[in-house]
Protein backbone atom coordinates (compact mmCIF):
# COMPACT_ATOMS: atom_id res chain seq x y z
CA MET A 1 -2.04 17.22 -5.07
CA SER A 2 -2.35 13.49 -5.77
CA LEU A 3 -0.68 10.42 -3.57
CA LYS A 4 1.51 8.15 -5.04
CA TYR A 5 1.94 4.71 -4.04
CA ASN A 6 5.16 3.29 -5.57
CA LYS A 7 7.31 3.53 -2.85
CA LEU A 8 4.69 0.57 -1.60
CA TRP A 9 5.31 -1.84 -4.95
CA LYS A 10 8.31 -1.36 -4.55
CA LEU A 11 8.87 -2.34 -0.72
CA LEU A 12 6.72 -4.87 -1.98
CA ILE A 13 9.09 -6.16 -4.71
CA ASP A 14 12.11 -5.93 -1.87
CA LYS A 15 10.83 -7.84 0.33
CA GLY A 16 9.63 -10.60 -2.02
CA LEU A 17 6.03 -9.93 -1.82
CA ASN A 18 3.18 -9.62 -4.40
CA LYS A 19 0.23 -7.67 -4.22
CA SER A 20 -1.67 -10.82 -3.96
CA GLU A 21 -0.03 -12.17 -0.99
CA LEU A 22 -0.78 -8.44 0.88
CA CYS A 23 -3.97 -9.00 0.40
CA LYS A 24 -4.09 -12.48 2.15
CA LYS A 25 -1.79 -11.12 4.29
CA THR A 26 -3.70 -8.11 5.52
CA GLY A 27 -7.14 -8.57 5.03
CA ILE A 28 -7.58 -5.98 2.51
CA SER A 29 -10.19 -6.36 -0.82
CA ARG A 30 -9.54 -6.22 -4.11
CA SER A 31 -11.12 -3.56 -4.35
CA THR A 32 -8.81 -1.57 -1.95
CA LEU A 33 -5.74 -2.83 -3.83
CA ASN A 34 -7.44 -1.44 -6.96
CA LYS A 35 -7.68 1.99 -5.54
CA LEU A 36 -4.17 1.90 -4.48
CA ASN A 37 -3.35 1.19 -8.08
CA ASN A 38 -4.90 4.05 -9.51
CA GLY A 39 -3.78 5.73 -6.82
CA GLU A 40 -7.00 6.84 -5.18
CA ASN A 41 -8.05 7.66 -1.43
CA VAL A 42 -8.30 4.81 0.59
CA ASN A 43 -8.68 4.88 4.57
CA THR A 44 -5.82 5.57 6.75
CA GLU A 45 -6.79 1.90 8.59
CA ILE A 46 -6.29 0.25 5.18
CA LEU A 47 -2.44 1.95 5.19
CA GLU A 48 -2.38 1.24 9.18
CA LYS A 49 -2.89 -2.36 7.94
CA ILE A 50 -0.37 -2.14 5.54
CA CYS A 51 2.78 -0.68 7.22
CA LYS A 52 2.10 -3.17 10.49
CA PHE A 53 2.60 -5.97 7.77
CA LEU A 54 5.73 -4.77 6.33
CA GLU A 55 6.99 -3.33 9.91
CA CYS A 56 6.91 0.26 7.78
CA ASP A 57 6.22 3.85 8.48
CA ILE A 58 3.64 5.52 6.66
CA ALA A 59 6.85 7.97 4.55
CA ASP A 60 8.00 3.86 3.24
CA ILE A 61 5.16 3.82 0.96
CA VAL A 62 2.50 6.91 0.45
CA GLU A 63 4.09 9.60 -1.41
CA MET A 64 2.37 13.07 -2.08
CA GLU A 65 2.48 14.72 -5.66
CA LYS A 66 2.24 18.37 -6.59
């Protein structure tokens, strides 16, 4: 199984935000953003920061793919 963050990218578009703004507003690094882009694992604290900033649930940004 792998994690997919397509929901995150769609949510950013829906809110009129881009990936650079996400980094600036949440304090996540570019390397973490690259991990998200590549569907790699990131710390749950990172996902929590993103959810707080976007005012959403983790299921709104991440999905598991078999």
